[in-house]
C-alpha atoms as a PDB file:
ATOM      1  CA  UNK A   1     119.164 264.547 255.377  1.00  0.00           C
ATOM      2  CA  UNK A   2     116.550 267.223 255.994  1.00  0.00           C
ATOM      3  CA  UNK A   3     117.038 270.640 255.103  1.00  0.00           C
ATOM      4  CA  UNK A   4     114.913 273.668 256.069  1.00  0.00           C
ATOM      5  CA  UNK A   5     115.318 276.791 253.862  1.00  0.00           C
ATOM      6  CA  UNK A   6     113.813 279.927 255.142  1.00  0.00           C
ATOM      7  CA  UNK A   7     113.352 282.950 252.856  1.00  0.00           C
ATOM      8  CA  UNK A   8     111.745 286.488 253.321  1.00  0.00           C
ATOM      9  CA  UNK A   9     110.020 286.900 249.878  1.00  0.00           C
ATOM     10  CA  UNK A  10     108.169 284.358 247.584  1.00  0.00           C
ATOM     11  CA  UNK A  11     110.710 284.315 245.040  1.00  0.00           C
ATOM     12  CA  UNK A  12     114.054 284.573 247.316  1.00  0.00           C
ATOM     13  CA  UNK A  13     114.938 280.861 247.217  1.00  0.00           C
ATOM     14  CA  UNK A  14     114.521 280.681 243.652  1.00  0.00           C
ATOM     15  CA  UNK A  15     116.611 283.721 242.630  1.00  0.00           C
ATOM     16  CA  UNK A  16     119.499 282.817 245.298  1.00  0.00           C
ATOM     17  CA  UNK A  17     119.591 279.182 245.689  1.00  0.00           C
ATOM     18  CA  UNK A  18     117.185 277.213 243.545  1.00  0.00           C
ATOM     19  CA  UNK A  19     119.779 275.278 241.979  1.00  0.00           C
ATOM     20  CA  UNK A  20     121.214 274.048 245.115  1.00  0.00           C
ATOM     21  CA  UNK A  21     118.181 273.004 246.330  1.00  0.00           C
ATOM     22  CA  UNK A  22     117.490 270.843 243.034  1.00  0.00           C
ATOM     23  CA  UNK A  23     121.148 269.227 243.975  1.00  0.00           C
ATOM     24  CA  UNK A  24     119.968 268.458 247.437  1.00  0.00           C
ATOM     25  CA  UNK A  25     116.683 267.063 246.301  1.00  0.00           C
ATOM     26  CA  UNK A  26     118.562 264.970 243.291  1.00  0.00           C
ATOM     27  CA  UNK A  27     120.656 263.538 246.369  1.00  0.00           C
ATOM     28  CA  UNK A  28     117.658 262.340 248.239  1.00  0.00           C
ATOM     29  CA  UNK A  29     117.463 265.159 250.688  1.00  0.00           C
ATOM     30  CA  UNK A  30     113.836 266.039 252.293  1.00  0.00           C
ATOM     31  CA  UNK A  31     113.316 269.655 251.670  1.00  0.00           C
ATOM     32  CA  UNK A  32     111.031 272.099 253.676  1.00  0.00           C
ATOM     33  CA  UNK A  33     110.659 275.370 252.166  1.00  0.00           C
ATOM     34  CA  UNK A  34     109.335 278.481 253.857  1.00  0.00           C
ATOM     35  CA  UNK A  35     108.423 282.045 253.095  1.00  0.00           C
ATOM     36  CA  UNK A  36     108.305 284.632 256.052  1.00  0.00           C
ATOM     37  CA  UNK A  37     106.188 287.311 254.119  1.00  0.00           C
ATOM     38  CA  UNK A  38     102.852 287.654 252.142  1.00  0.00           C
ATOM     39  CA  UNK A  39     104.896 289.327 249.160  1.00  0.00           C
ATOM     40  CA  UNK A  40     101.947 291.764 249.169  1.00  0.00           C
ATOM     41  CA  UNK A  41     104.376 294.769 248.681  1.00  0.00           C
ATOM     42  CA  UNK A  42     106.376 293.402 245.973  1.00  0.00           C
ATOM     43  CA  UNK A  43     104.706 294.570 242.823  1.00  0.00           C
ATOM     44  CA  UNK A  44     103.020 297.378 240.903  1.00  0.00           C
ATOM     45  CA  UNK A  45      99.833 296.669 242.634  1.00  0.00           C
ATOM     46  CA  UNK A  46     100.558 295.704 245.976  1.00  0.00           C
ATOM     47  CA  UNK A  47      97.762 294.360 248.495  1.00  0.00           C
ATOM     48  CA  UNK A  48      95.941 291.389 249.418  1.00  0.00           C
ATOM     49  CA  UNK A  49      95.229 290.291 245.506  1.00  0.00           C
ATOM     50  CA  UNK A  50      99.080 290.600 244.998  1.00  0.00           C
ATOM     51  CA  UNK A  51      99.679 288.291 248.052  1.00  0.00           C
ATOM     52  CA  UNK A  52      97.541 285.624 246.610  1.00  0.00           C
ATOM     53  CA  UNK A  53      98.914 285.827 243.098  1.00  0.00           C
ATOM     54  CA  UNK A  54     102.466 285.602 244.895  1.00  0.00           C
ATOM     55  CA  UNK A  55     101.471 282.650 247.029  1.00  0.00           C
ATOM     56  CA  UNK A  56     100.248 280.752 243.945  1.00  0.00           C
ATOM     57  CA  UNK A  57     103.571 281.475 242.210  1.00  0.00           C
ATOM     58  CA  UNK A  58     105.409 280.240 245.105  1.00  0.00           C
ATOM     59  CA  UNK A  59     103.213 276.917 245.249  1.00  0.00           C
ATOM     60  CA  UNK A  60     103.882 276.506 241.334  1.00  0.00           C
ATOM     61  CA  UNK A  61     107.591 276.704 241.672  1.00  0.00           C
ATOM     62  CA  UNK A  62     107.955 274.467 244.557  1.00  0.00           C
ATOM     63  CA  UNK A  63     105.738 271.947 242.689  1.00  0.00           C
ATOM     64  CA  UNK A  64     108.704 271.043 240.554  1.00  0.00           C
ATOM     65  CA  UNK A  65     110.388 269.862 243.717  1.00  0.00           C
ATOM     66  CA  UNK A  66     107.013 268.344 244.938  1.00  0.00           C
ATOM     67  CA  UNK A  67     107.139 270.647 247.744  1.00  0.00           C
ATOM     68  CA  UNK A  68     104.329 272.578 249.281  1.00  0.00           C
ATOM     69  CA  UNK A  69     105.898 275.870 250.733  1.00  0.00           C
ATOM     70  CA  UNK A  70     105.093 276.828 254.147  1.00  0.00           C
ATOM     71  CA  UNK A  71     103.617 280.496 253.836  1.00  0.00           C
ATOM     72  CA  UNK A  72     103.992 282.043 257.113  1.00  0.00           C
ATOM     73  CA  UNK A  73     102.112 285.208 256.021  1.00  0.00           C
ATOM     74  CA  UNK A  74     103.876 288.061 257.931  1.00  0.00           C
ATOM     75  CA  UNK A  75     103.525 291.624 256.284  1.00  0.00           C
ATOM     76  CA  UNK A  76     105.886 292.090 253.584  1.00  0.00           C
ATOM     77  CA  UNK A  77     108.285 295.118 253.803  1.00  0.00           C
ATOM     78  CA  UNK A  78     107.833 295.427 257.734  1.00  0.00           C
ATOM     79  CA  UNK A  79     109.572 292.415 259.423  1.00  0.00           C
ATOM     80  CA  UNK A  80     111.622 292.466 262.203  1.00  0.00           C
ATOM     81  CA  UNK A  81     113.468 289.728 264.146  1.00  0.00           C
ATOM     82  CA  UNK A  82     110.970 290.326 267.162  1.00  0.00           C
ATOM     83  CA  UNK A  83     109.448 287.505 269.111  1.00  0.00           C
ATOM     84  CA  UNK A  84     106.602 286.581 266.749  1.00  0.00           C
ATOM     85  CA  UNK A  85     108.733 285.713 264.093  1.00  0.00           C
ATOM     86  CA  UNK A  86     111.376 284.061 266.277  1.00  0.00           C
ATOM     87  CA  UNK A  87     108.703 282.097 267.725  1.00  0.00           C
ATOM     88  CA  UNK A  88     106.951 280.826 264.523  1.00  0.00           C
ATOM     89  CA  UNK A  89     110.359 279.931 262.910  1.00  0.00           C
ATOM     90  CA  UNK A  90     111.091 278.026 266.165  1.00  0.00           C
ATOM     91  CA  UNK A  91     108.006 275.950 266.147  1.00  0.00           C
ATOM     92  CA  UNK A  92     108.936 275.269 262.298  1.00  0.00           C
ATOM     93  CA  UNK A  93     112.279 274.139 263.475  1.00  0.00           C
ATOM     94  CA  UNK A  94     110.898 271.908 266.379  1.00  0.00           C
ATOM     95  CA  UNK A  95     108.584 270.281 263.789  1.00  0.00           C
ATOM     96  CA  UNK A  96     110.910 269.737 260.853  1.00  0.00           C
ATOM     97  CA  UNK A  97     113.757 268.848 263.036  1.00  0.00           C
ATOM     98  CA  UNK A  98     116.394 269.752 260.254  1.00  0.00           C
ATOM     99  CA  UNK A  99     119.868 268.702 259.919  1.00  0.00           C
ATOM    100  CA  UNK A 100     120.722 272.047 258.328  1.00  0.00           C
ATOM    101  CA  UNK A 101     118.972 275.416 257.967  1.00  0.00           C
ATOM    102  CA  UNK A 102     119.477 277.592 255.115  1.00  0.00           C
ATOM    103  CA  UNK A 103     118.313 281.294 254.949  1.00  0.00           C
ATOM    104  CA  UNK A 104     119.686 284.828 254.189  1.00  0.00           C
ATOM    105  CA  UNK A 105     122.948 286.539 254.985  1.00  0.00           C
ATOM    106  CA  UNK A 106     122.508 288.785 258.329  1.00  0.00           C
ATOM    107  CA  UNK A 107     124.392 291.427 256.085  1.00  0.00           C
ATOM    108  CA  UNK A 108     121.988 291.053 253.051  1.00  0.00           C
ATOM    109  CA  UNK A 109     121.170 294.539 251.460  1.00  0.00           C
ATOM    110  CA  UNK A 110     117.131 294.012 252.147  1.00  0.00           C
ATOM    111  CA  UNK A 111     115.775 294.843 255.666  1.00  0.00           C
ATOM    112  CA  UNK A 112     113.310 291.698 255.459  1.00  0.00           C
ATOM    113  CA  UNK A 113     116.285 289.477 254.349  1.00  0.00           C
ATOM    114  CA  UNK A 114     118.406 290.585 257.355  1.00  0.00           C
ATOM    115  CA  UNK A 115     115.300 290.060 259.645  1.00  0.00           C
ATOM    116  CA  UNK A 116     114.836 286.662 258.734  1.00  0.00           C
ATOM    117  CA  UNK A 117     118.567 285.931 259.150  1.00  0.00           C
ATOM    118  CA  UNK A 118     118.677 287.101 262.361  1.00  0.00           C
ATOM    119  CA  UNK A 119     115.493 285.373 263.516  1.00  0.00           C
ATOM    120  CA  UNK A 120     116.483 282.007 261.947  1.00  0.00           C
ATOM    121  CA  UNK A 121     119.783 282.224 264.160  1.00  0.00           C
ATOM    122  CA  UNK A 122     117.772 282.628 267.383  1.00  0.00           C
ATOM    123  CA  UNK A 123     115.354 279.929 266.421  1.00  0.00           C
ATOM    124  CA  UNK A 124     117.926 277.544 265.303  1.00  0.00           C
ATOM    125  CA  UNK A 125     119.885 277.781 268.498  1.00  0.00           C
ATOM    126  CA  UNK A 126     121.533 274.574 269.052  1.00  0.00           C
ATOM    127  CA  UNK A 127     118.904 272.416 267.119  1.00  0.00           C
ATOM    128  CA  UNK A 128     120.991 273.072 263.362  1.00  0.00           C
ATOM    129  CA  UNK A 129     123.777 274.459 261.501  1.00  0.00           C
ATOM    130  CA  UNK A 130     122.638 277.778 259.748  1.00  0.00           C
ATOM    131  CA  UNK A 131     124.096 278.168 256.027  1.00  0.00           C
ATOM    132  CA  UNK A 132     123.622 281.649 254.620  1.00  0.00           C
ATOM    133  CA  UNK A 133     122.861 282.212 250.861  1.00  0.00           C
ATOM    134  CA  UNK A 134     124.441 284.786 248.661  1.00  0.00           C
ATOM    135  CA  UNK A 135     123.083 288.394 248.252  1.00  0.00           C
ATOM    136  CA  UNK A 136     121.635 289.718 245.125  1.00  0.00           C
ATOM    137  CA  UNK A 137     124.468 290.647 242.907  1.00  0.00           C
ATOM    138  CA  UNK A 138     126.993 289.402 245.364  1.00  0.00           C
ATOM    139  CA  UNK A 139     128.181 292.691 246.731  1.00  0.00           C
ATOM    140  CA  UNK A 140     130.090 292.483 250.028  1.00  0.00           C
ATOM    141  CA  UNK A 141     129.459 288.766 250.311  1.00  0.00           C
ATOM    142  CA  UNK A 142     132.514 286.362 251.029  1.00  0.00           C
ATOM    143  CA  UNK A 143     131.720 282.982 250.240  1.00  0.00           C
ATOM    144  CA  UNK A 144     133.128 279.790 251.947  1.00  0.00           C
ATOM    145  CA  UNK A 145     131.252 277.076 250.177  1.00  0.00           C
ATOM    146  CA  UNK A 146     130.226 276.641 246.423  1.00  0.00           C
ATOM    147  CA  UNK A 147     127.774 274.628 244.813  1.00  0.00           C
ATOM    148  CA  UNK A 148     128.019 273.176 241.214  1.00  0.00           C
ATOM    149  CA  UNK A 149     124.313 273.980 239.704  1.00  0.00           C
ATOM    150  CA  UNK A 150     125.219 273.668 236.075  1.00  0.00           C
ATOM    151  CA  UNK A 151     123.136 270.476 235.564  1.00  0.00           C
ATOM    152  CA  UNK A 152     120.013 272.059 237.501  1.00  0.00           C
ATOM    153  CA  UNK A 153     120.238 275.450 235.651  1.00  0.00           C
ATOM    154  CA  UNK A 154     117.262 275.147 233.379  1.00  0.00           C
ATOM    155  CA  UNK A 155     115.157 274.035 236.469  1.00  0.00           C
ATOM    156  CA  UNK A 156     116.312 277.191 238.242  1.00  0.00           C
ATOM    157  CA  UNK A 157     115.279 279.470 235.433  1.00  0.00           C
ATOM    158  CA  UNK A 158     111.921 277.871 235.210  1.00  0.00           C
ATOM    159  CA  UNK A 159     111.612 278.516 239.006  1.00  0.00           C
ATOM    160  CA  UNK A 160     112.392 282.202 238.632  1.00  0.00           C
ATOM    161  CA  UNK A 161     110.042 282.493 235.615  1.00  0.00           C
ATOM    162  CA  UNK A 162     107.199 281.051 237.812  1.00  0.00           C
ATOM    163  CA  UNK A 163     107.240 284.395 239.429  1.00  0.00           C
ATOM    164  CA  UNK A 164     105.477 286.258 236.662  1.00  0.00           C
ATOM    165  CA  UNK A 165     104.364 289.268 238.960  1.00  0.00           C
ATOM    166  CA  UNK A 166     108.119 289.969 239.641  1.00  0.00           C
ATOM    167  CA  UNK A 167     109.367 290.990 236.007  1.00  0.00           C
ATOM    168  CA  UNK A 168     111.370 287.782 236.483  1.00  0.00           C
ATOM    169  CA  UNK A 169     113.643 288.220 233.314  1.00  0.00           C
ATOM    170  CA  UNK A 170     115.517 290.828 235.281  1.00  0.00           C
ATOM    171  CA  UNK A 171     116.371 288.317 237.937  1.00  0.00           C
ATOM    172  CA  UNK A 172     117.020 285.498 235.240  1.00  0.00           C
ATOM    173  CA  UNK A 173     119.761 288.014 233.792  1.00  0.00           C
ATOM    174  CA  UNK A 174     121.198 288.742 237.176  1.00  0.00           C
ATOM    175  CA  UNK A 175     121.408 285.160 238.229  1.00  0.00           C
ATOM    176  CA  UNK A 176     123.197 284.232 234.963  1.00  0.00           C
ATOM    177  CA  UNK A 177     125.645 286.540 235.614  1.00  0.00           C
ATOM    178  CA  UNK A 178     126.234 285.711 239.520  1.00  0.00           C
ATOM    179  CA  UNK A 179     126.247 282.077 239.056  1.00  0.00           C
ATOM    180  CA  UNK A 180     128.752 282.332 235.996  1.00  0.00           C
ATOM    181  CA  UNK A 181     131.129 284.689 238.337  1.00  0.00           C
ATOM    182  CA  UNK A 182     130.803 282.144 241.073  1.00  0.00           C
ATOM    183  CA  UNK A 183     131.787 279.123 238.877  1.00  0.00           C
ATOM    184  CA  UNK A 184     134.494 281.403 237.786  1.00  0.00           C
ATOM    185  CA  UNK A 185     135.975 281.588 241.290  1.00  0.00           C
ATOM    186  CA  UNK A 186     136.199 277.827 241.397  1.00  0.00           C
ATOM    187  CA  UNK A 187     137.915 277.733 238.026  1.00  0.00           C
ATOM    188  CA  UNK A 188     134.752 276.182 236.418  1.00  0.00           C
ATOM    189  CA  UNK A 189     134.940 275.365 232.837  1.00  0.00           C
ATOM    190  CA  UNK A 190     133.100 277.719 230.170  1.00  0.00           C
ATOM    191  CA  UNK A 191     129.187 277.324 230.630  1.00  0.00           C
ATOM    192  CA  UNK A 192     129.590 276.328 234.125  1.00  0.00           C
ATOM    193  CA  UNK A 193     126.932 277.649 237.002  1.00  0.00           C
ATOM    194  CA  UNK A 194     127.676 277.826 240.741  1.00  0.00           C
ATOM    195  CA  UNK A 195     125.846 279.110 243.949  1.00  0.00           C
ATOM    196  CA  UNK A 196     127.601 280.402 247.010  1.00  0.00           C
ATOM    197  CA  UNK A 197     127.190 280.198 250.645  1.00  0.00           C
ATOM    198  CA  UNK A 198     128.501 281.221 253.942  1.00  0.00           C
ATOM    199  CA  UNK A 199     128.637 279.345 257.188  1.00  0.00           C
ATOM    200  CA  UNK A 200     130.038 281.203 260.086  1.00  0.00           C
ATOM    201  CA  UNK A 201     130.907 277.834 262.391  1.00  0.00           C
ATOM    202  CA  UNK A 202     129.597 278.237 266.123  1.00  0.00           C
ATOM    203  CA  UNK A 203     129.417 275.823 269.077  1.00  0.00           C
ATOM    204  CA  UNK A 204     128.208 272.965 268.317  1.00  0.00           C
ATOM    205  CA  UNK A 205     128.367 273.253 264.660  1.00  0.00           C
ATOM    206  CA  UNK A 206     131.765 273.380 262.746  1.00  0.00           C
ATOM    207  CA  UNK A 207     132.132 271.706 259.725  1.00  0.00           C
ATOM    208  CA  UNK A 208     129.138 271.482 257.663  1.00  0.00           C
ATOM    209  CA  UNK A 209     130.715 270.476 254.235  1.00  0.00           C
ATOM    210  CA  UNK A 210     129.219 266.652 254.278  1.00  0.00           C
ATOM    211  CA  UNK A 211     125.762 268.328 254.370  1.00  0.00           C
ATOM    212  CA  UNK A 212     126.327 270.509 251.293  1.00  0.00           C
ATOM    213  CA  UNK A 213     126.198 269.205 247.542  1.00  0.00           C
ATOM    214  CA  UNK A 214     129.511 269.174 245.769  1.00  0.00           C
ATOM    215  CA  UNK A 215     131.388 272.289 244.424  1.00  0.00           C
ATOM    216  CA  UNK A 216     132.311 272.602 240.682  1.00  0.00           C
ATOM    217  CA  UNK A 217     134.964 269.938 239.759  1.00  0.00           C
ATOM    218  CA  UNK A 218     138.555 270.901 240.506  1.00  0.00           C
ATOM    219  CA  UNK A 219     140.344 272.184 237.446  1.00  0.00           C
ATOM    220  CA  UNK A 220     144.171 272.564 238.047  1.00  0.00           C
ATOM    221  CA  UNK A 221     145.699 275.315 236.514  1.00  0.00           C
ATOM    222  CA  UNK A 222     148.166 274.870 233.786  1.00  0.00           C
ATOM    223  CA  UNK A 223     151.601 276.119 234.382  1.00  0.00           C
ATOM    224  CA  UNK A 224     152.636 278.294 231.591  1.00  0.00           C
ATOM    225  CA  UNK A 225     156.098 278.308 230.147  1.00  0.00           C
ATOM    226  CA  UNK A 226     158.648 280.984 231.406  1.00  0.00           C
ATOM    227  CA  UNK A 227     157.883 284.419 229.817  1.00  0.00           C
ATOM    228  CA  UNK A 228     154.118 283.814 229.363  1.00  0.00           C
ATOM    229  CA  UNK A 229     151.536 286.017 230.332  1.00  0.00           C
ATOM    230  CA  UNK A 230     149.921 286.310 233.813  1.00  0.00           C
END
């Protein structure tokens, strides 16, 4: 199984889907991670120096999965789903020949994220199904797939913290809240963590559940005696 994961910025995969990437890797999947922008606008001192630093952070995080990220180097903050971006992603899809492509949601809050999502849908075409990551905070996102990442949670936090230029503790806190909530949607036990995704079936790709790591284990709800609270 080959997974191509495409994000807009150097820390997006770490924040939104790193636990799941670890689960795929543990199951033997081949991972190809790509970042569309140079990240040069995401910090207190934007510019080429920040871009170099963020490239190093992306490589340090990905090294834990024995992966060298593909850094496409488009300008941070100005992405459009235009021909250069679609063609760059199309070349990547043609090279990797993935079984599944993962990227942002087309309704994500960030314009760069939305541009990548649309460009990936164009680039993937009939080559592979596309799985959309959760959005920051989960606002407006309606997941249809959940992945149990409880056992990979320390690795996810380490990957987020590898991006020291981004004040990572704020994202650690947000990820903790969101993953606990997503696990709760699955009736996960206390301490469980989950990441959520959405797949919009389109010809010829309908059911992709076999390509995704397992959700939190099912815990049947115990019926209460009559008269008990709701």
